[in-house]
Amino acid sequence: MEKVGQNYKVISCGDVASLGRVVLHDVLALSGAEVSVNELPAGVSVPFVHAHKNNEEIYVVLSGKGLLYIDGEEFAIKEGDAFRIDPKGERCIKADNASSLRFICIQAKAKSLDGYTESDGVGVDAKPSWL
């Protein structure tokens, strides 16, 4: 599915399990963040440890379980977990040997948020059919 309007774009990420990774920056023309949907098969790791120059990363584990390596520590992660890593944090993720690991990763420039839902959201008069 793809639908484009003046103020939005909707796409299908496809079969993330077979694709492994879907990067949304270009396809959605993102201007303030990088977002990817990722699936590591059971026992598979991101093949490198990395950090960032400017971007913090926020991860949300959608399904499965695995291990997070961060700054020399290793600990278990599972469905429902969410975590933020500072740009300088040295990180790597691995799926559990018995479980694939699906997660969303959001990158945004650290300390750049000027507002959030309560301070940035603005009510409008429009109503969807279900309200």
Protein backbone atom coordinates (compact mmCIF):
# COMPACT_ATOMS: atom_id res chain seq x y z
CA MET A 1 0.00 0.00 0.00
CA GLU A 2 1.10 3.55 -0.67
CA LYS A 3 -0.94 6.69 -0.08
CA VAL A 4 0.38 10.23 -0.35
CA GLY A 5 -1.28 13.47 0.73
CA GLN A 6 -0.17 17.04 1.22
CA ASN A 7 0.97 16.38 4.80
CA TYR A 8 1.61 12.63 4.89
CA LYS A 9 2.86 9.50 3.18
CA VAL A 10 1.80 5.94 4.06
CA ILE A 11 3.69 2.89 2.82
CA SER A 12 3.86 -0.82 3.55
CA CYS A 13 7.15 -1.99 5.03
CA GLY A 14 6.63 -5.36 3.35
CA ASP A 15 7.71 -8.65 4.84
CA VAL A 16 10.24 -7.47 7.41
CA ALA A 17 11.11 -11.06 8.37
CA SER A 18 12.40 -11.81 4.87
CA LEU A 19 13.81 -8.34 4.19
CA GLY A 20 15.67 -8.17 7.51
CA ARG A 21 15.76 -4.37 7.59
CA VAL A 22 13.54 -1.63 6.21
CA VAL A 23 15.00 1.89 6.36
CA LEU A 24 12.34 4.61 6.18
CA HIS A 25 14.40 7.80 5.80
CA ASP A 26 14.30 8.09 2.01
CA VAL A 27 11.01 6.33 1.29
CA LEU A 28 9.10 8.59 3.75
CA ALA A 29 11.28 11.69 3.17
CA LEU A 30 11.97 11.98 6.91
CA SER A 31 13.46 15.31 7.93
CA GLY A 32 14.07 14.99 11.67
CA ALA A 33 14.79 11.33 12.34
CA GLU A 34 15.92 8.04 10.84
CA VAL A 35 13.66 5.06 11.48
CA SER A 36 14.25 1.43 10.64
CA VAL A 37 12.28 -1.76 11.24
CA ASN A 38 14.64 -4.67 11.78
CA GLU A 39 14.44 -8.44 12.15
CA LEU A 40 17.41 -10.53 13.21
CA PRO A 41 16.91 -14.28 12.70
CA ALA A 42 17.56 -16.57 15.70
CA GLY A 43 21.22 -16.52 16.67
CA VAL A 44 22.15 -13.66 14.33
CA SER A 45 23.88 -10.47 15.44
CA VAL A 46 24.37 -7.05 13.94
CA PRO A 47 27.88 -7.73 12.56
CA PHE A 48 29.62 -4.76 14.20
CA VAL A 49 29.75 -2.60 17.33
CA HIS A 50 29.07 1.05 16.61
CA ALA A 51 28.52 4.49 18.09
CA HIS A 52 27.31 7.75 16.54
CA LYS A 53 28.68 11.26 16.16
CA ASN A 54 25.40 13.11 16.91
CA ASN A 55 22.42 10.77 16.97
CA GLU A 56 20.92 9.03 19.96
CA GLU A 57 19.07 5.81 19.20
CA ILE A 58 15.78 4.66 20.65
CA TYR A 59 14.90 0.98 20.31
CA VAL A 60 11.54 -0.70 20.85
CA VAL A 61 11.55 -4.52 20.83
CA LEU A 62 8.41 -5.65 19.01
CA SER A 63 8.87 -9.42 19.30
CA GLY A 64 11.36 -12.05 20.35
CA LYS A 65 14.31 -11.77 22.67
CA GLY A 66 18.02 -11.24 22.46
CA LEU A 67 21.07 -9.60 23.95
CA LEU A 68 22.17 -5.98 24.04
CA TYR A 69 25.86 -5.08 24.26
CA ILE A 70 26.35 -1.51 25.48
CA ASP A 71 29.63 0.00 26.69
CA GLY A 72 31.09 -3.39 27.61
CA GLU A 73 27.97 -4.70 29.38
CA GLU A 74 25.70 -7.43 28.04
CA PHE A 75 22.12 -8.06 29.15
CA ALA A 76 18.91 -9.68 27.95
CA ILE A 77 16.23 -7.76 26.04
CA LYS A 78 12.73 -8.96 25.13
CA GLU A 79 9.41 -8.02 23.58
CA GLY A 80 8.06 -4.82 25.12
CA ASP A 81 11.46 -3.43 26.15
CA ALA A 82 12.40 0.09 25.07
CA PHE A 83 15.77 1.74 25.54
CA ARG A 84 17.70 4.85 24.56
CA ILE A 85 21.41 4.93 23.81
CA ASP A 86 23.49 8.11 23.86
CA PRO A 87 25.45 8.82 20.66
CA LYS A 88 28.76 7.77 22.24
CA GLY A 89 27.35 4.49 23.60
CA GLU A 90 29.10 1.55 21.94
CA ARG A 91 26.34 -0.88 21.00
CA CYS A 92 25.50 -4.15 19.31
CA ILE A 93 22.37 -6.36 19.29
CA LYS A 94 21.99 -10.12 18.87
CA ALA A 95 18.90 -12.30 18.60
CA ASP A 96 18.58 -15.15 21.09
CA ASN A 97 19.67 -18.53 19.70
CA ALA A 98 16.07 -19.80 19.94
CA SER A 99 14.19 -16.64 18.88
CA SER A 100 14.25 -14.04 16.15
CA LEU A 101 14.32 -10.41 17.32
CA ARG A 102 12.17 -7.71 15.68
CA PHE A 103 12.70 -4.10 16.72
CA ILE A 104 12.26 -0.52 15.63
CA CYS A 105 15.28 1.77 15.81
CA ILE A 106 14.79 5.55 15.77
CA GLN A 107 17.75 7.88 15.37
CA ALA A 108 17.49 11.57 16.15
CA LYS A 109 20.01 14.26 16.98
CA ALA A 110 20.65 14.18 20.72
CA LYS A 111 19.33 17.15 22.70
CA SER A 112 17.42 18.50 19.67
CA LEU A 113 13.83 18.00 20.87
CA ASP A 114 12.12 21.38 21.30
CA GLY A 115 8.71 20.03 22.17
CA TYR A 116 6.80 16.79 22.58
CA THR A 117 3.16 15.69 22.65
CA GLU A 118 2.00 17.86 25.55
CA SER A 119 3.90 21.00 24.48
CA ASP A 120 4.00 20.57 20.68
CA GLY A 121 0.61 19.04 19.88
CA VAL A 122 -2.13 21.40 18.71
CA GLY A 123 -5.81 20.46 18.72
CA VAL A 124 -7.77 20.93 15.49
CA ASP A 125 -11.49 20.94 14.63
CA ALA A 126 -11.32 18.04 12.14
CA LYS A 127 -12.92 14.72 13.16
CA PRO A 128 -12.50 11.18 11.82
CA SER A 129 -15.60 9.06 11.20
CA TRP A 130 -15.12 7.18 14.48
CA LEU A 131 -15.30 10.24 16.79
